[in-house]
Amino acid sequence: MKAEDDELKFMSNLRNVVEKLKALETERKNLLLEIEELKKVADAKTKALESEISMLREEVKSLRILLGAEETEPEFKPKKKK
């Protein structure tokens, strides 16, 4: 009977290990998918920001030309934070 009990415990432990491995593999797969989606979102946000910055630079350039200050630096300098 002792051998049967040991075998049952072993099989139960083996089943638990297999189930845990399956759960971990599923979680790993889901996390990898989430990472890929987050990378896509970050890339899209980066591209949007780059585009916005480019438009803002063009607007600054146009305003400088309008004000006759095409090649000069702006007089306004942001104050350094203390």
PDB file of N, CA and C in Angstrom:
ATOM      1  N   MET A   1       0.816  -1.206   0.000  1.00  0.00           N
ATOM      2  CA  MET A   1       0.000   0.000   0.000  1.00  0.00           C
ATOM      3  C   MET A   1       0.851   1.258   0.000  1.00  0.00           C
ATOM      4  N   LYS A   2       1.960   1.230   0.659  1.00  0.00           N
ATOM      5  CA  LYS A   2       2.854   2.390   0.715  1.00  0.00           C
ATOM      6  C   LYS A   2       3.316   2.775  -0.679  1.00  0.00           C
ATOM      7  N   ALA A   3       3.649   1.776  -1.489  1.00  0.00           N
ATOM      8  CA  ALA A   3       4.118   2.030  -2.849  1.00  0.00           C
ATOM      9  C   ALA A   3       3.008   2.666  -3.681  1.00  0.00           C
ATOM     10  N   GLU A   4       1.769   2.198  -3.484  1.00  0.00           N
ATOM     11  CA  GLU A   4       0.629   2.770  -4.214  1.00  0.00           C
ATOM     12  C   GLU A   4       0.410   4.224  -3.811  1.00  0.00           C
ATOM     13  N   ASP A   5       0.503   4.511  -2.525  1.00  0.00           N
ATOM     14  CA  ASP A   5       0.343   5.882  -2.044  1.00  0.00           C
ATOM     15  C   ASP A   5       1.428   6.795  -2.614  1.00  0.00           C
ATOM     16  N   ASP A   6       2.650   6.292  -2.620  1.00  0.00           N
ATOM     17  CA  ASP A   6       3.758   7.073  -3.176  1.00  0.00           C
ATOM     18  C   ASP A   6       3.552   7.345  -4.658  1.00  0.00           C
ATOM     19  N   GLU A   7       3.059   6.334  -5.375  1.00  0.00           N
ATOM     20  CA  GLU A   7       2.823   6.503  -6.810  1.00  0.00           C
ATOM     21  C   GLU A   7       1.697   7.512  -7.055  1.00  0.00           C
ATOM     22  N   LEU A   8       0.659   7.442  -6.234  1.00  0.00           N
ATOM     23  CA  LEU A   8      -0.450   8.399  -6.375  1.00  0.00           C
ATOM     24  C   LEU A   8       0.026   9.831  -6.094  1.00  0.00           C
ATOM     25  N   LYS A   9       0.848   9.980  -5.073  1.00  0.00           N
ATOM     26  CA  LYS A   9       1.393  11.305  -4.759  1.00  0.00           C
ATOM     27  C   LYS A   9       2.264  11.811  -5.900  1.00  0.00           C
ATOM     28  N   PHE A  10       3.089  10.908  -6.428  1.00  0.00           N
ATOM     29  CA  PHE A  10       3.967  11.276  -7.537  1.00  0.00           C
ATOM     30  C   PHE A  10       3.151  11.709  -8.750  1.00  0.00           C
ATOM     31  N   MET A  11       2.120  10.947  -9.097  1.00  0.00           N
ATOM     32  CA  MET A  11       1.281  11.274 -10.251  1.00  0.00           C
ATOM     33  C   MET A  11       0.545  12.593 -10.024  1.00  0.00           C
ATOM     34  N   SER A  12       0.088  12.799  -8.797  1.00  0.00           N
ATOM     35  CA  SER A  12      -0.601  14.048  -8.469  1.00  0.00           C
ATOM     36  C   SER A  12       0.352  15.231  -8.592  1.00  0.00           C
ATOM     37  N   ASN A  13       1.563  15.078  -8.056  1.00  0.00           N
ATOM     38  CA  ASN A  13       2.563  16.141  -8.171  1.00  0.00           C
ATOM     39  C   ASN A  13       2.923  16.392  -9.628  1.00  0.00           C
ATOM     40  N   LEU A  14       3.053  15.324 -10.404  1.00  0.00           N
ATOM     41  CA  LEU A  14       3.386  15.452 -11.817  1.00  0.00           C
ATOM     42  C   LEU A  14       2.281  16.210 -12.551  1.00  0.00           C
ATOM     43  N   ARG A  15       1.033  15.866 -12.249  1.00  0.00           N
ATOM     44  CA  ARG A  15      -0.104  16.560 -12.856  1.00  0.00           C
ATOM     45  C   ARG A  15      -0.084  18.052 -12.500  1.00  0.00           C
ATOM     46  N   ASN A  16       0.213  18.334 -11.242  1.00  0.00           N
ATOM     47  CA  ASN A  16       0.269  19.733 -10.800  1.00  0.00           C
ATOM     48  C   ASN A  16       1.372  20.497 -11.529  1.00  0.00           C
ATOM     49  N   VAL A  17       2.517  19.861 -11.696  1.00  0.00           N
ATOM     50  CA  VAL A  17       3.634  20.499 -12.394  1.00  0.00           C
ATOM     51  C   VAL A  17       3.264  20.765 -13.853  1.00  0.00           C
ATOM     52  N   VAL A  18       2.639  19.782 -14.490  1.00  0.00           N
ATOM     53  CA  VAL A  18       2.235  19.937 -15.889  1.00  0.00           C
ATOM     54  C   VAL A  18       1.216  21.074 -16.024  1.00  0.00           C
ATOM     55  N   GLU A  19       0.252  21.120 -15.123  1.00  0.00           N
ATOM     56  CA  GLU A  19      -0.757  22.188 -15.155  1.00  0.00           C
ATOM     57  C   GLU A  19      -0.116  23.554 -14.935  1.00  0.00           C
ATOM     58  N   LYS A  20       0.812  23.603 -14.008  1.00  0.00           N
ATOM     59  CA  LYS A  20       1.500  24.874 -13.742  1.00  0.00           C
ATOM     60  C   LYS A  20       2.310  25.314 -14.958  1.00  0.00           C
ATOM     61  N   LEU A  21       2.994  24.369 -15.600  1.00  0.00           N
ATOM     62  CA  LEU A  21       3.751  24.688 -16.816  1.00  0.00           C
ATOM     63  C   LEU A  21       2.834  25.225 -17.909  1.00  0.00           C
ATOM     64  N   LYS A  22       1.683  24.605 -18.097  1.00  0.00           N
ATOM     65  CA  LYS A  22       0.732  25.069 -19.106  1.00  0.00           C
ATOM     66  C   LYS A  22       0.250  26.484 -18.784  1.00  0.00           C
ATOM     67  N   ALA A  23      -0.051  26.728 -17.514  1.00  0.00           N
ATOM     68  CA  ALA A  23      -0.517  28.054 -17.105  1.00  0.00           C
ATOM     69  C   ALA A  23       0.568  29.102 -17.321  1.00  0.00           C
ATOM     70  N   LEU A  24       1.809  28.751 -16.993  1.00  0.00           N
ATOM     71  CA  LEU A  24       2.921  29.686 -17.184  1.00  0.00           C
ATOM     72  C   LEU A  24       3.174  29.963 -18.661  1.00  0.00           C
ATOM     73  N   GLU A  25       3.077  28.943 -19.491  1.00  0.00           N
ATOM     74  CA  GLU A  25       3.254  29.139 -20.935  1.00  0.00           C
ATOM     75  C   GLU A  25       2.157  30.040 -21.492  1.00  0.00           C
ATOM     76  N   THR A  26       0.942  29.853 -21.028  1.00  0.00           N
ATOM     77  CA  THR A  26      -0.174  30.699 -21.471  1.00  0.00           C
ATOM     78  C   THR A  26       0.052  32.138 -21.039  1.00  0.00           C
ATOM     79  N   GLU A  27       0.460  32.328 -19.792  1.00  0.00           N
ATOM     80  CA  GLU A  27       0.722  33.685 -19.302  1.00  0.00           C
ATOM     81  C   GLU A  27       1.869  34.324 -20.089  1.00  0.00           C
ATOM     82  N   ARG A  28       2.916  33.564 -20.357  1.00  0.00           N
ATOM     83  CA  ARG A  28       4.055  34.065 -21.137  1.00  0.00           C
ATOM     84  C   ARG A  28       3.597  34.525 -22.515  1.00  0.00           C
ATOM     85  N   LYS A  29       2.795  33.694 -23.173  1.00  0.00           N
ATOM     86  CA  LYS A  29       2.286  34.025 -24.506  1.00  0.00           C
ATOM     87  C   LYS A  29       1.459  35.318 -24.455  1.00  0.00           C
ATOM     88  N   ASN A  30       0.592  35.427 -23.458  1.00  0.00           N
ATOM     89  CA  ASN A  30      -0.245  36.624 -23.318  1.00  0.00           C
ATOM     90  C   ASN A  30       0.597  37.870 -23.047  1.00  0.00           C
ATOM     91  N   LEU A  31       1.621  37.737 -22.217  1.00  0.00           N
ATOM     92  CA  LEU A  31       2.491  38.877 -21.920  1.00  0.00           C
ATOM     93  C   LEU A  31       3.277  39.313 -23.153  1.00  0.00           C
ATOM     94  N   LEU A  32       3.747  38.356 -23.932  1.00  0.00           N
ATOM     95  CA  LEU A  32       4.471  38.690 -25.166  1.00  0.00           C
ATOM     96  C   LEU A  32       3.551  39.419 -26.147  1.00  0.00           C
ATOM     97  N   LEU A  33       2.309  38.969 -26.249  1.00  0.00           N
ATOM     98  CA  LEU A  33       1.338  39.655 -27.116  1.00  0.00           C
ATOM     99  C   LEU A  33       1.071  41.074 -26.629  1.00  0.00           C
ATOM    100  N   GLU A  34       0.930  41.232 -25.313  1.00  0.00           N
ATOM    101  CA  GLU A  34       0.691  42.568 -24.748  1.00  0.00           C
ATOM    102  C   GLU A  34       1.888  43.482 -25.001  1.00  0.00           C
ATOM    103  N   ILE A  35       3.091  42.938 -24.858  1.00  0.00           N
ATOM    104  CA  ILE A  35       4.298  43.726 -25.117  1.00  0.00           C
ATOM    105  C   ILE A  35       4.313  44.209 -26.558  1.00  0.00           C
ATOM    106  N   GLU A  36       3.973  43.335 -27.496  1.00  0.00           N
ATOM    107  CA  GLU A  36       3.952  43.725 -28.906  1.00  0.00           C
ATOM    108  C   GLU A  36       2.934  44.828 -29.151  1.00  0.00           C
ATOM    109  N   GLU A  37       1.770  44.715 -28.535  1.00  0.00           N
ATOM    110  CA  GLU A  37       0.748  45.750 -28.692  1.00  0.00           C
ATOM    111  C   GLU A  37       1.215  47.079 -28.096  1.00  0.00           C
ATOM    112  N   LEU A  38       1.840  47.024 -26.936  1.00  0.00           N
ATOM    113  CA  LEU A  38       2.336  48.246 -26.303  1.00  0.00           C
ATOM    114  C   LEU A  38       3.440  48.890 -27.131  1.00  0.00           C
ATOM    115  N   LYS A  39       4.279  48.070 -27.751  1.00  0.00           N
ATOM    116  CA  LYS A  39       5.324  48.602 -28.636  1.00  0.00           C
ATOM    117  C   LYS A  39       4.698  49.329 -29.820  1.00  0.00           C
ATOM    118  N   LYS A  40       3.618  48.758 -30.371  1.00  0.00           N
ATOM    119  CA  LYS A  40       2.924  49.400 -31.491  1.00  0.00           C
ATOM    120  C   LYS A  40       2.329  50.732 -31.060  1.00  0.00           C
ATOM    121  N   VAL A  41       1.731  50.767 -29.878  1.00  0.00           N
ATOM    122  CA  VAL A  41       1.151  52.011 -29.362  1.00  0.00           C
ATOM    123  C   VAL A  41       2.246  53.052 -29.155  1.00  0.00           C
ATOM    124  N   ALA A  42       3.363  52.638 -28.562  1.00  0.00           N
ATOM    125  CA  ALA A  42       4.480  53.563 -28.326  1.00  0.00           C
ATOM    126  C   ALA A  42       5.023  54.092 -29.651  1.00  0.00           C
ATOM    127  N   ASP A  43       5.130  53.227 -30.645  1.00  0.00           N
ATOM    128  CA  ASP A  43       5.626  53.641 -31.954  1.00  0.00           C
ATOM    129  C   ASP A  43       4.675  54.645 -32.597  1.00  0.00           C
ATOM    130  N   ALA A  44       3.383  54.386 -32.511  1.00  0.00           N
ATOM    131  CA  ALA A  44       2.396  55.305 -33.075  1.00  0.00           C
ATOM    132  C   ALA A  44       2.439  56.662 -32.375  1.00  0.00           C
ATOM    133  N   LYS A  45       2.573  56.648 -31.048  1.00  0.00           N
ATOM    134  CA  LYS A  45       2.660  57.910 -30.302  1.00  0.00           C
ATOM    135  C   LYS A  45       3.930  58.672 -30.675  1.00  0.00           C
ATOM    136  N   THR A  46       5.021  57.948 -30.859  1.00  0.00           N
ATOM    137  CA  THR A  46       6.284  58.584 -31.240  1.00  0.00           C
ATOM    138  C   THR A  46       6.148  59.249 -32.607  1.00  0.00           C
ATOM    139  N   LYS A  47       5.564  58.538 -33.553  1.00  0.00           N
ATOM    140  CA  LYS A  47       5.381  59.097 -34.891  1.00  0.00           C
ATOM    141  C   LYS A  47       4.468  60.319 -34.853  1.00  0.00           C
ATOM    142  N   ALA A  48       3.414  60.264 -34.060  1.00  0.00           N
ATOM    143  CA  ALA A  48       2.495  61.402 -33.945  1.00  0.00           C
ATOM    144  C   ALA A  48       3.214  62.613 -33.353  1.00  0.00           C
ATOM    145  N   LEU A  49       4.022  62.372 -32.321  1.00  0.00           N
ATOM    146  CA  LEU A  49       4.780  63.471 -31.705  1.00  0.00           C
ATOM    147  C   LEU A  49       5.797  64.061 -32.669  1.00  0.00           C
ATOM    148  N   GLU A  50       6.481  63.208 -33.403  1.00  0.00           N
ATOM    149  CA  GLU A  50       7.449  63.689 -34.391  1.00  0.00           C
ATOM    150  C   GLU A  50       6.762  64.562 -35.433  1.00  0.00           C
ATOM    151  N   SER A  51       5.592  64.133 -35.863  1.00  0.00           N
ATOM    152  CA  SER A  51       4.832  64.896 -36.855  1.00  0.00           C
ATOM    153  C   SER A  51       4.395  66.241 -36.279  1.00  0.00           C
ATOM    154  N   GLU A  52       3.911  66.226 -35.048  1.00  0.00           N
ATOM    155  CA  GLU A  52       3.481  67.473 -34.401  1.00  0.00           C
ATOM    156  C   GLU A  52       4.659  68.434 -34.237  1.00  0.00           C
ATOM    157  N   ILE A  53       5.792  67.913 -33.820  1.00  0.00           N
ATOM    158  CA  ILE A  53       6.988  68.753 -33.641  1.00  0.00           C
ATOM    159  C   ILE A  53       7.421  69.348 -34.973  1.00  0.00           C
ATOM    160  N   SER A  54       7.361  68.551 -36.014  1.00  0.00           N
ATOM    161  CA  SER A  54       7.719  69.042 -37.337  1.00  0.00           C
ATOM    162  C   SER A  54       6.798  70.189 -37.755  1.00  0.00           C
ATOM    163  N   MET A  55       5.507  70.031 -37.521  1.00  0.00           N
ATOM    164  CA  MET A  55       4.552  71.099 -37.855  1.00  0.00           C
ATOM    165  C   MET A  55       4.806  72.352 -37.024  1.00  0.00           C
ATOM    166  N   LEU A  56       5.104  72.159 -35.748  1.00  0.00           N
ATOM    167  CA  LEU A  56       5.388  73.306 -34.883  1.00  0.00           C
ATOM    168  C   LEU A  56       6.646  74.038 -35.336  1.00  0.00           C
ATOM    169  N   ARG A  57       7.665  73.298 -35.748  1.00  0.00           N
ATOM    170  CA  ARG A  57       8.888  73.921 -36.255  1.00  0.00           C
ATOM    171  C   ARG A  57       8.597  74.748 -37.512  1.00  0.00           C
ATOM    172  N   GLU A  58       7.756  74.184 -38.385  1.00  0.00           N
ATOM    173  CA  GLU A  58       7.386  74.918 -39.598  1.00  0.00           C
ATOM    174  C   GLU A  58       6.608  76.182 -39.256  1.00  0.00           C
ATOM    175  N   GLU A  59       5.748  76.082 -38.259  1.00  0.00           N
ATOM    176  CA  GLU A  59       4.984  77.252 -37.833  1.00  0.00           C
ATOM    177  C   GLU A  59       5.908  78.326 -37.266  1.00  0.00           C
ATOM    178  N   VAL A  60       6.882  77.935 -36.457  1.00  0.00           N
ATOM    179  CA  VAL A  60       7.857  78.881 -35.905  1.00  0.00           C
ATOM    180  C   VAL A  60       8.632  79.539 -37.044  1.00  0.00           C
ATOM    181  N   LYS A  61       9.053  78.736 -38.007  1.00  0.00           N
ATOM    182  CA  LYS A  61       9.802  79.262 -39.145  1.00  0.00           C
ATOM    183  C   LYS A  61       8.957  80.281 -39.914  1.00  0.00           C
ATOM    184  N   SER A  62       7.707  79.941 -40.158  1.00  0.00           N
ATOM    185  CA  SER A  62       6.809  80.856 -40.876  1.00  0.00           C
ATOM    186  C   SER A  62       6.593  82.147 -40.107  1.00  0.00           C
ATOM    187  N   LEU A  63       6.411  82.045 -38.807  1.00  0.00           N
ATOM    188  CA  LEU A  63       6.200  83.245 -37.988  1.00  0.00           C
ATOM    189  C   LEU A  63       7.453  84.120 -37.966  1.00  0.00           C
ATOM    190  N   ARG A  64       8.609  83.497 -37.908  1.00  0.00           N
ATOM    191  CA  ARG A  64       9.855  84.276 -37.940  1.00  0.00           C
ATOM    192  C   ARG A  64       9.969  85.044 -39.262  1.00  0.00           C
ATOM    193  N   ILE A  65       9.632  84.371 -40.352  1.00  0.00           N
ATOM    194  CA  ILE A  65       9.687  85.028 -41.656  1.00  0.00           C
ATOM    195  C   ILE A  65       8.705  86.196 -41.681  1.00  0.00           C
ATOM    196  N   LEU A  66       7.492  85.958 -41.186  1.00  0.00           N
ATOM    197  CA  LEU A  66       6.480  87.017 -41.150  1.00  0.00           C
ATOM    198  C   LEU A  66       6.945  88.208 -40.327  1.00  0.00           C
ATOM    199  N   LEU A  67       7.654  87.935 -39.258  1.00  0.00           N
ATOM    200  CA  LEU A  67       8.112  89.004 -38.374  1.00  0.00           C
ATOM    201  C   LEU A  67       9.456  89.580 -38.810  1.00  0.00           C
ATOM    202  N   GLY A  68       9.990  89.085 -39.906  1.00  0.00           N
ATOM    203  CA  GLY A  68      11.251  89.593 -40.411  1.00  0.00           C
ATOM    204  C   GLY A  68      12.442  89.155 -39.594  1.00  0.00           C
ATOM    205  N   ALA A  69      12.331  88.039 -38.935  1.00  0.00           N
ATOM    206  CA  ALA A  69      13.424  87.565 -38.079  1.00  0.00           C
ATOM    207  C   ALA A  69      13.820  86.156 -38.499  1.00  0.00           C
ATOM    208  N   GLU A  70      13.923  85.953 -39.801  1.00  0.00           N
ATOM    209  CA  GLU A  70      14.145  84.610 -40.343  1.00  0.00           C
ATOM    210  C   GLU A  70      15.364  83.907 -39.756  1.00  0.00           C
ATOM    211  N   GLU A  71      16.469  84.620 -39.665  1.00  0.00           N
ATOM    212  CA  GLU A  71      17.715  83.974 -39.258  1.00  0.00           C
ATOM    213  C   GLU A  71      18.096  84.242 -37.806  1.00  0.00           C
ATOM    214  N   THR A  72      17.303  85.002 -37.095  1.00  0.00           N
ATOM    215  CA  THR A  72      17.686  85.345 -35.724  1.00  0.00           C
ATOM    216  C   THR A  72      17.042  84.396 -34.736  1.00  0.00           C
ATOM    217  N   GLU A  73      17.690  84.291 -33.607  1.00  0.00           N
ATOM    218  CA  GLU A  73      17.149  83.494 -32.516  1.00  0.00           C
ATOM    219  C   GLU A  73      16.043  84.294 -31.841  1.00  0.00           C
ATOM    220  N   PRO A  74      15.089  83.651 -31.264  1.00  0.00           N
ATOM    221  CA  PRO A  74      14.029  84.395 -30.581  1.00  0.00           C
ATOM    222  C   PRO A  74      14.585  85.146 -29.373  1.00  0.00           C
ATOM    223  N   GLU A  75      13.976  86.298 -29.112  1.00  0.00           N
ATOM    224  CA  GLU A  75      14.425  87.101 -27.969  1.00  0.00           C
ATOM    225  C   GLU A  75      14.009  86.450 -26.653  1.00  0.00           C
ATOM    226  N   PHE A  76      12.929  85.731 -26.705  1.00  0.00           N
ATOM    227  CA  PHE A  76      12.426  85.083 -25.498  1.00  0.00           C
ATOM    228  C   PHE A  76      13.248  83.842 -25.204  1.00  0.00           C
ATOM    229  N   LYS A  77      13.835  83.816 -24.033  1.00  0.00           N
ATOM    230  CA  LYS A  77      14.570  82.629 -23.580  1.00  0.00           C
ATOM    231  C   LYS A  77      13.856  82.131 -22.319  1.00  0.00           C
ATOM    232  N   PRO A  78      13.496  80.861 -22.283  1.00  0.00           N
ATOM    233  CA  PRO A  78      12.835  80.354 -21.078  1.00  0.00           C
ATOM    234  C   PRO A  78      13.736  80.484 -19.862  1.00  0.00           C
ATOM    235  N   LYS A  79      13.128  80.860 -18.745  1.00  0.00           N
ATOM    236  CA  LYS A  79      13.903  80.980 -17.499  1.00  0.00           C
ATOM    237  C   LYS A  79      14.291  79.597 -17.021  1.00  0.00           C
ATOM    238  N   LYS A  80      15.492  79.520 -16.481  1.00  0.00           N
ATOM    239  CA  LYS A  80      15.941  78.236 -15.939  1.00  0.00           C
ATOM    240  C   LYS A  80      15.208  77.977 -14.627  1.00  0.00           C
ATOM    241  N   LYS A  81      14.798  76.745 -14.467  1.00  0.00           N
ATOM    242  CA  LYS A  81      14.106  76.346 -13.243  1.00  0.00           C
ATOM    243  C   LYS A  81      15.109  76.226 -12.123  1.00  0.00           C
ATOM    244  N   LYS A  82      14.701  76.669 -10.965  1.00  0.00           N
ATOM    245  CA  LYS A  82      15.592  76.575  -9.785  1.00  0.00           C
ATOM    246  C   LYS A  82      15.346  75.292  -9.057  1.00  0.00           C
TER     247      LYS A  82
END
